Amino acid sequence: MKMVLKGDYFNGSFSHPQGLTSADLGKSQEQISKKSPADLTMHLWDAGIFYNHVDAVINSAQKGFETWRKTSFEERINFLKKYQEAVRRRKDDIAMALALEVGKPLWEAKTEAASVDGKVSVTITDSYERIKKQTIKEVMPKIDGHVIYKPLGPSLVIGPFNFPCHLANGQILAALLAGNSIIFKPSEKTIYSAQLMIECFHEAGFPEGVVNFINGTGHTSSALTKDKRIKGIYFTGSKNVGMRILENTYQDINKLVALELGGKNATILHHDTNMDHALPELLRSSFLTTGQRCTSTSIILIHKKIEQEFISKFKALTERIRVGHPLSTPEVFMGPLIDAHAEKLYFDFCNQAYKDGATDILGAKKLEVGHQGYYVSPSILYTDKPKLDSKLIQDEIFGPNCFFIPYEDINEAIHLANSTEYGLAASIFTQDKAIYELALRDIDSGLINLNRSTVGATARLPFGGLKNSGNHRPAAVSMIDHCVGTVASLETQDASSKISDVVGLN
């Protein structure tokens, strides 16, 4: 698959319509080269980063907003449906790009490509209802009340590498349906996958300046977030970057900032757990996407009555996981990590875990799979004396690792689940509905599942975390709530006021 980068997209076209030439790259302020994490001999693309495009992109988004905010919902929906049609035509290209650029097994990449299509329908059918004009008859005597939702203005979406299409797509669609123009700044690790989405928006014929796209680094994001013309910022990524965005924007009270950050997600396996059901659920939640999901299960709190049997079976299943090239036949469960930095962090975390008192159930290893890439084995740790302030408990690790902690009392398990600085996703496996209700009440998490793993949320419910996992602006169906400002209006039906009704006039 040939990956040709077209540069930044603003004023309705790519800045280099025929692809970046060597001369173009020479004019850029910075260059990024990308090799496939699945095969380091496969050079995917070279990107020129043009910091001087930032102002032009924002100007484009401003012009686009003035056009787009005046369009009807019906017009916006028609454009979104045209985009959906373009995505369907390009879904195989998107899946292949995700497989080679991110390292996802092709079957998983196809799932993400399909979600880009499906999210359009969910946004139209479920999210739209949340921002329709509301009328309250006789809110006061002879006065009707209205609630109107207005778009914020030019909005910035900063995407992640692990779901470069799916997660950004949901934010972009909500912002567009609400009447905002958008600027999409993708992860510098996954520019081509993101570009394919922008090509689909272009094919859909959106008015000039409504959809914009800029490649770049943290410097690019910083410049965009600080600009007063940007009215909405939607970021998915790490806590540290989220904090920098807040530092850049806290003095600009006109900005709405929605952060979707990391997780240190716990699963509780109570003594009445259906093991045959829980085992595959936990296998997926711990190791899908090579553990590079913000909802991946990291901490497994297991009742002492079942720990030996369950851990033995879980280890045996984990040892059966096929790791390899995303396009391999037969299909693999896990591909590589995204890059060398991620690989280093994974092994550093495991080594630190030993210092924090953990022991191996299954050790982390560098794997040789017939391709030169960032391939590692899944790992399982165990500790019965967790140090609550340790990196083992507190640090998010974007890698295929989980660790077991035994417990006896359910309140002890809930306390341990709450001991991290994050609060994104949690799950509990039990047949006791009262235990589930206790978990719902007491676990500090934005998602709490019963007899289902921490991964695989639905777009028809809110998706967001508490504590350091977000700032109370959940995505998915409720994403659109953060793309609008709320206006109240009183409409008098009976124009009968008289000057004589005014008290205190001479």
Protein backbone atom coordinates (compact mmCIF):
# COMPACT_ATOMS: atom_id res chain seq x y z
CA MET A 1 0.00 0.00 0.00
CA LYS A 2 1.48 3.33 -1.06
CA MET A 3 0.91 6.09 1.50
CA VAL A 4 1.09 9.56 -0.08
CA LEU A 5 0.72 12.46 2.32
CA LYS A 6 -1.01 15.48 0.83
CA GLY A 7 -0.06 18.02 3.47
CA ASP A 8 -2.41 20.20 5.49
CA TYR A 9 -6.02 20.77 4.45
CA PHE A 10 -7.62 24.23 4.64
CA ASN A 11 -9.69 26.54 2.45
CA GLY A 12 -11.17 23.43 0.88
CA SER A 13 -8.02 21.82 -0.46
CA PHE A 14 -4.77 20.17 0.53
CA SER A 15 -1.77 22.43 0.64
CA HIS A 16 0.10 20.06 -1.67
CA PRO A 17 -2.61 18.40 -3.80
CA GLN A 18 -0.21 16.10 -5.64
CA GLY A 19 1.70 14.98 -2.55
CA LEU A 20 4.72 16.44 -0.87
CA THR A 21 7.75 16.68 -3.13
CA SER A 22 11.36 16.73 -1.98
CA ALA A 23 11.33 20.49 -2.53
CA ASP A 24 8.24 20.86 -0.36
CA LEU A 25 9.84 18.87 2.43
CA GLY A 26 12.88 21.11 2.24
CA LYS A 27 10.68 24.15 2.91
CA SER A 28 9.07 22.63 6.01
CA GLN A 29 10.09 23.67 9.52
CA GLU A 30 10.32 20.04 10.61
CA GLN A 31 10.12 16.57 9.08
CA ILE A 32 8.75 13.30 10.43
CA SER A 33 9.47 9.91 8.91
CA LYS A 34 7.28 6.91 9.64
CA LYS A 35 8.13 3.23 9.46
CA SER A 36 5.60 0.52 10.11
CA PRO A 37 5.90 -0.69 13.73
CA ALA A 38 5.11 -4.13 12.33
CA ASP A 39 8.00 -4.13 9.86
CA LEU A 40 10.75 -1.57 10.32
CA THR A 41 12.02 -2.24 6.80
CA MET A 42 8.74 -0.78 5.48
CA HIS A 43 9.01 2.98 5.10
CA LEU A 44 5.47 4.41 5.07
CA TRP A 45 5.79 8.16 4.59
CA ASP A 46 7.66 11.42 5.17
CA ALA A 47 5.70 14.35 6.58
CA GLY A 48 6.61 18.00 6.31
CA ILE A 49 5.49 20.03 9.32
CA PHE A 50 4.64 23.64 8.43
CA TYR A 51 4.18 25.66 11.61
CA ASN A 52 3.46 28.73 9.50
CA HIS A 53 0.22 27.07 8.38
CA VAL A 54 -1.34 27.42 11.85
CA ASP A 55 -2.69 30.90 11.26
CA ALA A 56 -3.98 30.06 7.78
CA VAL A 57 -5.77 26.99 9.10
CA ILE A 58 -7.48 28.98 11.86
CA ASN A 59 -8.50 31.69 9.39
CA SER A 60 -9.98 29.00 7.18
CA ALA A 61 -11.94 27.56 10.12
CA GLN A 62 -13.27 31.02 11.00
CA LYS A 63 -14.58 31.54 7.48
CA GLY A 64 -16.03 28.07 7.43
CA PHE A 65 -17.83 28.64 10.73
CA GLU A 66 -19.60 31.75 9.44
CA THR A 67 -21.05 29.65 6.62
CA TRP A 68 -21.70 26.44 8.53
CA ARG A 69 -23.44 27.89 11.59
CA LYS A 70 -26.17 29.31 9.31
CA THR A 71 -26.97 25.94 7.71
CA SER A 72 -29.98 23.95 8.85
CA PHE A 73 -29.72 20.65 10.69
CA GLU A 74 -31.13 18.96 7.60
CA GLU A 75 -28.31 20.34 5.46
CA ARG A 76 -25.67 19.30 7.99
CA ILE A 77 -27.11 15.81 8.21
CA ASN A 78 -27.06 15.48 4.41
CA PHE A 79 -23.36 16.35 4.35
CA LEU A 80 -22.64 13.85 7.13
CA LYS A 81 -24.44 11.14 5.16
CA LYS A 82 -22.33 11.93 2.08
CA TYR A 83 -19.24 11.59 4.28
CA GLN A 84 -20.57 8.24 5.51
CA GLU A 85 -20.91 7.05 1.91
CA ALA A 86 -17.33 8.08 1.19
CA VAL A 87 -16.11 6.22 4.30
CA ARG A 88 -17.90 3.08 3.14
CA ARG A 89 -16.13 3.31 -0.22
CA ARG A 90 -12.75 3.73 1.49
CA LYS A 91 -13.20 1.37 4.47
CA ASP A 92 -10.70 -1.19 3.16
CA ASP A 93 -8.09 1.54 2.62
CA ILE A 94 -8.70 2.85 6.14
CA ALA A 95 -8.36 -0.64 7.66
CA MET A 96 -5.12 -1.34 5.81
CA ALA A 97 -3.68 2.02 6.86
CA LEU A 98 -4.53 1.30 10.50
CA ALA A 99 -2.93 -2.13 10.30
CA LEU A 100 0.36 -0.85 8.87
CA GLU A 101 0.56 2.51 10.63
CA VAL A 102 -0.65 1.47 14.12
CA GLY A 103 0.18 -2.23 13.99
CA LYS A 104 -3.36 -3.48 14.66
CA PRO A 105 -4.24 -6.94 13.38
CA LEU A 106 -6.24 -6.47 10.20
CA TRP A 107 -9.42 -7.92 11.72
CA GLU A 108 -9.25 -5.31 14.49
CA ALA A 109 -8.41 -2.53 12.04
CA LYS A 110 -11.52 -3.45 10.04
CA THR A 111 -13.58 -3.10 13.21
CA GLU A 112 -12.30 0.44 13.70
CA ALA A 113 -12.96 1.33 10.06
CA ALA A 114 -16.53 0.05 10.43
CA SER A 115 -17.01 2.18 13.56
CA VAL A 116 -16.19 5.32 11.57
CA ASP A 117 -19.15 4.52 9.34
CA GLY A 118 -21.44 3.50 12.20
CA LYS A 119 -20.73 6.59 14.28
CA VAL A 120 -22.39 8.80 11.67
CA SER A 121 -25.72 7.05 12.20
CA VAL A 122 -25.44 7.17 15.99
CA THR A 123 -24.59 10.88 15.93
CA ILE A 124 -27.60 11.64 13.75
CA THR A 125 -30.11 9.47 15.58
CA ASP A 126 -28.96 9.72 19.21
CA SER A 127 -26.83 12.85 19.65
CA TYR A 128 -29.00 15.16 17.53
CA GLU A 129 -31.91 14.80 19.95
CA ARG A 130 -29.80 16.30 22.73
CA ILE A 131 -29.39 19.70 21.03
CA LYS A 132 -32.77 20.19 19.36
CA LYS A 133 -34.61 23.35 20.36
CA GLN A 134 -36.83 22.80 23.38
CA THR A 135 -40.05 24.70 24.09
CA ILE A 136 -41.82 24.82 27.45
CA LYS A 137 -45.36 26.11 27.05
CA GLU A 138 -46.54 28.55 29.72
CA VAL A 139 -43.22 28.47 31.56
CA MET A 140 -44.66 31.65 33.12
CA PRO A 141 -48.24 32.96 32.75
CA LYS A 142 -48.79 33.73 29.04
CA ILE A 143 -45.09 33.27 28.36
CA ASP A 144 -43.42 30.35 26.55
CA GLY A 145 -39.85 29.36 27.30
CA HIS A 146 -37.29 28.12 24.80
CA VAL A 147 -33.89 26.47 25.13
CA ILE A 148 -31.67 26.97 22.09
CA TYR A 149 -28.29 25.36 21.55
CA LYS A 150 -25.78 27.39 19.56
CA PRO A 151 -22.41 26.24 18.17
CA LEU A 152 -19.28 27.44 19.93
CA GLY A 153 -17.15 28.39 16.93
CA PRO A 154 -13.97 27.03 15.35
CA SER A 155 -13.10 23.87 17.29
CA LEU A 156 -9.93 21.82 17.60
CA VAL A 157 -9.81 18.03 17.75
CA ILE A 158 -6.46 16.56 18.84
CA GLY A 159 -6.45 12.84 18.09
CA PRO A 160 -4.62 9.86 19.62
CA PHE A 161 -2.54 7.20 17.90
CA ASN A 162 -4.31 4.12 19.26
CA PHE A 163 -7.68 4.86 17.61
CA PRO A 164 -6.68 7.59 15.15
CA CYS A 165 -9.92 7.37 13.19
CA HIS A 166 -12.60 6.12 15.60
CA LEU A 167 -12.05 8.48 18.53
CA ALA A 168 -11.39 11.66 16.56
CA ASN A 169 -14.26 10.84 14.21
CA GLY A 170 -16.80 10.85 17.05
CA GLN A 171 -15.64 14.28 18.23
CA ILE A 172 -15.53 15.72 14.71
CA LEU A 173 -19.03 14.51 13.83
CA ALA A 174 -20.58 15.90 17.01
CA ALA A 175 -18.89 19.27 16.51
CA LEU A 176 -20.02 19.46 12.88
CA LEU A 177 -23.61 18.47 13.56
CA ALA A 178 -23.76 21.16 16.26
CA GLY A 179 -22.70 23.78 13.69
CA ASN A 180 -19.01 24.24 14.48
CA SER A 181 -16.16 24.25 11.99
CA ILE A 182 -13.31 21.93 12.96
CA ILE A 183 -9.54 21.67 12.84
CA PHE A 184 -8.24 18.11 13.17
CA LYS A 185 -4.68 17.71 14.40
CA PRO A 186 -3.87 13.97 14.39
CA SER A 187 -1.13 12.17 16.28
CA GLU A 188 2.15 12.56 14.41
CA LYS A 189 2.38 8.75 14.57
CA THR A 190 -0.75 8.15 12.48
CA ILE A 191 -1.01 10.95 9.94
CA TYR A 192 -2.02 8.84 6.95
CA SER A 193 -4.94 7.06 8.62
CA ALA A 194 -6.26 10.45 9.73
CA GLN A 195 -5.73 11.93 6.25
CA LEU A 196 -7.98 9.25 4.74
CA MET A 197 -10.86 10.53 6.88
CA ILE A 198 -10.22 14.08 5.68
CA GLU A 199 -10.25 12.85 2.09
CA CYS A 200 -13.71 11.43 2.79
CA PHE A 201 -14.89 14.79 4.13
CA HIS A 202 -13.50 16.42 0.99
CA GLU A 203 -15.33 13.93 -1.22
CA ALA A 204 -18.55 14.77 0.65
CA GLY A 205 -18.26 18.37 -0.54
CA PHE A 206 -18.42 20.24 2.76
CA PRO A 207 -18.34 24.04 2.31
CA GLU A 208 -14.87 25.57 2.21
CA GLY A 209 -13.27 25.97 5.63
CA VAL A 210 -15.75 23.82 7.57
CA VAL A 211 -13.30 20.91 7.82
CA ASN A 212 -9.59 21.59 8.28
CA PHE A 213 -6.57 19.38 8.96
CA ILE A 214 -3.05 20.13 10.10
CA ASN A 215 -0.11 17.83 10.64
CA GLY A 216 2.28 18.71 13.40
CA THR A 217 3.88 18.12 16.76
CA GLY A 218 3.24 19.28 20.31
CA HIS A 219 4.39 22.72 19.22
CA THR A 220 1.53 22.80 16.69
CA SER A 221 -1.03 21.76 19.29
CA SER A 222 0.26 24.36 21.73
CA ALA A 223 -0.06 27.16 19.20
CA LEU A 224 -3.58 26.10 18.31
CA THR A 225 -4.81 25.72 21.89
CA LYS A 226 -3.49 29.16 22.88
CA ASP A 227 -5.19 30.99 20.02
CA LYS A 228 -8.25 32.96 21.16
CA ARG A 229 -10.10 32.22 17.93
CA ILE A 230 -10.40 28.54 18.92
CA LYS A 231 -13.56 28.12 21.01
CA GLY A 232 -13.71 24.36 21.60
CA ILE A 233 -10.86 21.93 22.30
CA TYR A 234 -11.36 18.16 22.32
CA PHE A 235 -8.36 16.06 23.29
CA THR A 236 -7.81 12.33 23.69
CA GLY A 237 -4.49 11.26 25.16
CA SER A 238 -2.31 11.22 28.24
CA LYS A 239 -2.89 13.02 31.54
CA ASN A 240 0.34 15.01 31.18
CA VAL A 241 -0.62 16.45 27.80
CA GLY A 242 -4.13 17.17 29.07
CA MET A 243 -2.63 19.19 31.92
CA ARG A 244 -0.53 21.20 29.46
CA ILE A 245 -3.66 22.02 27.48
CA LEU A 246 -5.33 23.30 30.65
CA GLU A 247 -2.25 25.39 31.41
CA ASN A 248 -2.46 26.88 27.91
CA THR A 249 -6.16 27.73 28.17
CA TYR A 250 -7.10 28.47 31.78
CA GLN A 251 -7.02 32.23 31.31
CA ASP A 252 -9.34 32.09 28.29
CA ILE A 253 -12.77 31.54 29.83
CA ASN A 254 -14.43 31.53 26.39
CA LYS A 255 -12.87 28.16 25.58
CA LEU A 256 -14.59 24.87 26.30
CA VAL A 257 -12.02 22.14 26.91
CA ALA A 258 -13.07 18.47 26.97
CA LEU A 259 -10.38 15.98 27.99
CA GLU A 260 -10.47 12.21 27.54
CA LEU A 261 -7.39 10.97 29.37
CA GLY A 262 -5.84 7.76 30.67
CA GLY A 263 -6.92 4.90 32.89
CA LYS A 264 -5.68 2.40 35.41
CA ASN A 265 -8.70 0.19 35.15
CA ALA A 266 -9.69 -2.46 37.67
CA THR A 267 -11.74 -5.61 37.29
CA ILE A 268 -13.18 -7.35 40.37
CA LEU A 269 -13.65 -11.13 40.18
CA HIS A 270 -15.92 -12.09 43.08
CA HIS A 271 -16.04 -15.66 44.41
CA ASP A 272 -19.22 -16.44 42.41
CA THR A 273 -17.70 -15.39 39.07
CA ASN A 274 -18.69 -17.47 36.05
CA MET A 275 -15.12 -18.34 35.04
CA ASP A 276 -15.94 -19.64 31.57
CA HIS A 277 -17.46 -16.28 30.77
CA ALA A 278 -14.92 -14.09 32.60
CA LEU A 279 -11.80 -15.67 31.10
CA PRO A 280 -12.29 -14.56 27.47
CA GLU A 281 -13.66 -11.20 28.61
CA LEU A 282 -10.55 -10.55 30.67
CA LEU A 283 -8.22 -11.84 27.98
CA ARG A 284 -9.61 -9.28 25.55
CA SER A 285 -9.68 -6.40 28.01
CA SER A 286 -6.07 -6.93 29.11
CA PHE A 287 -4.38 -7.56 25.76
CA LEU A 288 -6.47 -6.25 22.84
CA THR A 289 -4.65 -3.59 20.82
CA THR A 290 -1.47 -4.81 22.57
CA GLY A 291 -2.81 -3.18 25.74
CA GLN A 292 -2.82 0.26 24.07
CA ARG A 293 -6.35 1.20 25.08
CA CYS A 294 -7.27 3.73 27.73
CA THR A 295 -9.88 1.23 28.95
CA SER A 296 -7.53 -1.79 29.09
CA THR A 297 -7.77 -3.78 32.30
CA SER A 298 -4.64 -3.35 34.38
CA ILE A 299 -5.59 -4.33 37.94
CA ILE A 300 -7.41 -7.62 38.54
CA LEU A 301 -8.82 -7.93 42.05
CA ILE A 302 -9.58 -11.59 42.59
CA HIS A 303 -11.32 -13.29 45.51
CA LYS A 304 -9.02 -15.64 47.36
CA LYS A 305 -11.47 -18.54 46.94
CA ILE A 306 -10.94 -18.63 43.17
CA GLU A 307 -7.49 -17.11 42.65
CA GLN A 308 -5.49 -20.29 42.10
CA GLU A 309 -7.91 -21.89 39.63
CA PHE A 310 -8.63 -18.71 37.71
CA ILE A 311 -5.03 -17.52 37.46
CA SER A 312 -3.89 -20.92 36.26
CA LYS A 313 -6.49 -20.94 33.48
CA PHE A 314 -5.84 -17.31 32.58
CA LYS A 315 -2.10 -17.91 32.28
CA ALA A 316 -2.68 -20.91 30.03
CA LEU A 317 -4.93 -18.84 27.73
CA THR A 318 -2.49 -15.94 27.64
CA GLU A 319 0.29 -18.31 26.55
CA ARG A 320 -1.87 -19.25 23.55
CA ILE A 321 -2.07 -15.67 22.25
CA ARG A 322 -0.60 -15.34 18.77
CA VAL A 323 1.59 -12.26 18.34
CA GLY A 324 2.74 -11.26 14.89
CA HIS A 325 2.45 -9.10 11.81
CA PRO A 326 -1.02 -7.52 11.41
CA LEU A 327 -1.49 -9.14 8.00
CA SER A 328 -0.34 -12.61 9.06
CA THR A 329 -2.22 -15.79 8.23
CA PRO A 330 -3.54 -17.33 10.43
CA GLU A 331 -4.77 -14.18 12.12
CA VAL A 332 -2.94 -12.92 15.18
CA PHE A 333 -4.48 -11.58 18.38
CA MET A 334 -1.76 -8.99 19.04
CA GLY A 335 0.41 -6.90 16.79
CA PRO A 336 3.38 -4.74 17.84
CA LEU A 337 3.55 -1.75 20.15
CA ILE A 338 3.45 1.60 18.37
CA ASP A 339 7.16 2.51 18.62
CA ALA A 340 10.47 2.09 20.42
CA HIS A 341 9.48 4.52 23.16
CA ALA A 342 6.37 2.48 23.97
CA GLU A 343 8.44 -0.69 24.04
CA LYS A 344 10.92 0.87 26.48
CA LEU A 345 8.12 2.09 28.75
CA TYR A 346 6.60 -1.40 28.80
CA PHE A 347 9.77 -3.11 29.99
CA ASP A 348 10.60 -0.25 32.36
CA PHE A 349 7.18 -0.65 33.96
CA CYS A 350 7.61 -4.39 34.45
CA ASN A 351 11.08 -3.92 35.95
CA GLN A 352 9.76 -1.25 38.32
CA ALA A 353 6.90 -3.57 39.31
CA TYR A 354 9.42 -6.10 40.61
CA LYS A 355 10.95 -3.34 42.76
CA ASP A 356 7.44 -2.57 44.04
CA GLY A 357 7.06 -6.16 45.23
CA ALA A 358 5.32 -7.85 42.30
CA THR A 359 6.25 -11.30 41.05
CA ASP A 360 5.89 -12.86 37.61
CA ILE A 361 3.09 -15.15 36.60
CA LEU A 362 4.14 -14.62 33.00
CA GLY A 363 7.16 -12.47 32.20
CA ALA A 364 7.44 -9.80 29.52
CA LYS A 365 9.73 -10.66 26.59
CA LYS A 366 10.89 -9.17 23.34
CA LEU A 367 9.61 -11.44 20.56
CA GLU A 368 11.04 -12.51 17.21
CA VAL A 369 8.15 -13.08 14.81
CA GLY A 370 9.83 -13.06 11.38
CA HIS A 371 9.52 -9.29 10.98
CA GLN A 372 11.60 -6.60 12.59
CA GLY A 373 9.21 -4.62 14.77
CA TYR A 374 8.15 -3.72 18.30
CA TYR A 375 6.79 -7.14 19.23
CA VAL A 376 6.47 -8.09 22.90
CA SER A 377 4.78 -10.86 24.81
CA PRO A 378 1.82 -10.23 27.11
CA SER A 379 2.76 -10.30 30.79
CA ILE A 380 0.98 -11.10 34.05
CA LEU A 381 2.11 -10.01 37.51
CA TYR A 382 0.97 -10.83 41.04
CA THR A 383 1.17 -9.09 44.39
CA ASP A 384 -0.61 -9.75 47.67
CA LYS A 385 0.87 -6.70 49.40
CA PRO A 386 0.24 -3.77 47.05
CA LYS A 387 1.87 -0.45 47.88
CA LEU A 388 -0.84 2.04 47.05
CA ASP A 389 1.60 4.84 46.22
CA SER A 390 3.74 2.68 43.92
CA LYS A 391 4.05 2.99 40.15
CA LEU A 392 2.52 -0.48 39.92
CA ILE A 393 -0.77 0.91 41.25
CA GLN A 394 -0.61 4.50 40.04
CA ASP A 395 1.04 4.57 36.60
CA GLU A 396 -0.84 3.93 33.40
CA ILE A 397 1.05 1.57 31.12
CA PHE A 398 0.12 1.42 27.45
CA GLY A 399 1.19 -2.18 27.01
CA PRO A 400 -0.06 -5.77 27.34
CA ASN A 401 0.25 -6.14 31.12
CA CYS A 402 -2.12 -6.91 33.96
CA PHE A 403 -1.58 -7.94 37.56
CA PHE A 404 -3.60 -9.85 40.13
CA ILE A 405 -4.26 -8.76 43.72
CA PRO A 406 -6.20 -11.16 46.00
CA TYR A 407 -8.93 -9.95 48.37
CA GLU A 408 -11.41 -11.39 50.87
CA ASP A 409 -13.97 -8.63 51.48
CA ILE A 410 -15.72 -6.78 48.65
CA ASN A 411 -15.19 -3.42 50.37
CA GLU A 412 -11.46 -4.14 50.36
CA ALA A 413 -11.63 -4.75 46.59
CA ILE A 414 -13.53 -1.51 46.00
CA HIS A 415 -11.00 0.40 48.10
CA LEU A 416 -8.17 -1.01 45.99
CA ALA A 417 -10.02 -0.19 42.76
CA ASN A 418 -10.30 3.42 43.98
CA SER A 419 -6.68 3.68 45.05
CA THR A 420 -5.35 4.91 41.69
CA GLU A 421 -5.35 8.50 40.48
CA TYR A 422 -7.48 7.49 37.51
CA GLY A 423 -11.17 6.68 37.20
CA LEU A 424 -12.06 5.69 33.66
CA ALA A 425 -13.39 2.13 33.54
CA ALA A 426 -14.09 -0.68 35.99
CA SER A 427 -15.93 -3.97 35.88
CA ILE A 428 -17.20 -6.54 38.35
CA PHE A 429 -17.98 -10.19 37.72
CA THR A 430 -20.54 -11.60 40.13
CA GLN A 431 -23.97 -13.22 40.23
CA ASP A 432 -24.97 -11.06 43.20
CA LYS A 433 -26.87 -7.95 42.07
CA ALA A 434 -26.39 -6.35 45.50
CA ILE A 435 -22.61 -6.51 45.02
CA TYR A 436 -23.03 -4.84 41.63
CA GLU A 437 -25.14 -2.06 43.15
CA LEU A 438 -22.47 -1.56 45.81
CA ALA A 439 -19.84 -1.23 43.08
CA LEU A 440 -21.98 1.26 41.17
CA ARG A 441 -22.35 3.37 44.30
CA ASP A 442 -18.80 3.27 45.60
CA ILE A 443 -16.34 2.86 42.70
CA ASP A 444 -15.04 6.19 41.40
CA SER A 445 -15.19 5.51 37.68
CA GLY A 446 -16.97 6.85 34.62
CA LEU A 447 -17.80 3.35 33.32
CA ILE A 448 -18.72 0.45 35.60
CA ASN A 449 -19.74 -2.82 33.94
CA LEU A 450 -21.34 -5.98 35.27
CA ASN A 451 -20.06 -9.30 33.90
CA ARG A 452 -18.48 -7.46 31.01
CA SER A 453 -14.90 -6.32 30.58
CA THR A 454 -13.67 -2.74 30.74
CA VAL A 455 -13.18 -2.45 26.94
CA GLY A 456 -15.72 -2.15 24.17
CA ALA A 457 -17.94 0.77 25.20
CA THR A 458 -21.01 1.71 23.17
CA ALA A 459 -21.34 5.00 21.29
CA ARG A 460 -24.95 5.27 22.52
CA LEU A 461 -23.89 5.94 26.12
CA PRO A 462 -21.58 8.60 27.60
CA PHE A 463 -17.87 7.73 27.61
CA GLY A 464 -15.60 9.54 30.02
CA GLY A 465 -13.76 9.27 33.29
CA LEU A 466 -13.45 10.78 36.74
CA LYS A 467 -10.40 11.97 38.67
CA ASN A 468 -7.39 12.20 36.31
CA SER A 469 -9.20 10.35 33.53
CA GLY A 470 -11.12 13.39 32.34
CA ASN A 471 -12.73 16.68 33.26
CA HIS A 472 -16.40 15.70 33.46
CA ARG A 473 -17.13 16.14 29.78
CA PRO A 474 -17.75 12.60 28.51
CA ALA A 475 -17.60 11.72 24.85
CA ALA A 476 -19.64 9.26 22.74
CA VAL A 477 -23.37 10.12 22.69
CA SER A 478 -22.89 13.04 25.10
CA MET A 479 -19.99 14.53 23.14
CA ILE A 480 -22.39 16.91 21.44
CA ASP A 481 -23.32 18.46 24.82
CA HIS A 482 -19.86 20.07 24.87
CA CYS A 483 -20.09 21.41 21.33
CA VAL A 484 -22.79 23.97 22.05
CA GLY A 485 -23.63 26.92 24.26
CA THR A 486 -27.06 27.08 25.88
CA VAL A 487 -29.37 30.06 25.34
CA ALA A 488 -32.67 30.65 27.17
CA SER A 489 -35.46 32.72 25.62
CA LEU A 490 -38.81 33.98 26.96
CA GLU A 491 -41.52 34.55 24.37
CA THR A 492 -44.46 36.69 25.44
CA GLN A 493 -47.74 35.72 23.80
CA ASP A 494 -49.82 38.58 25.24
CA ALA A 495 -48.37 42.04 24.52
CA SER A 496 -50.47 43.83 27.17
CA SER A 497 -47.86 45.66 29.26
CA LYS A 498 -48.70 49.35 29.96
CA ILE A 499 -46.57 52.26 31.11
CA SER A 500 -48.92 52.57 34.06
CA ASP A 501 -47.87 49.09 35.24
CA VAL A 502 -44.36 50.37 36.00
CA VAL A 503 -44.04 51.17 39.70
CA GLY A 504 -42.15 54.29 40.77
CA LEU A 505 -42.64 56.58 37.76
CA ASN A 506 -43.63 60.24 38.32
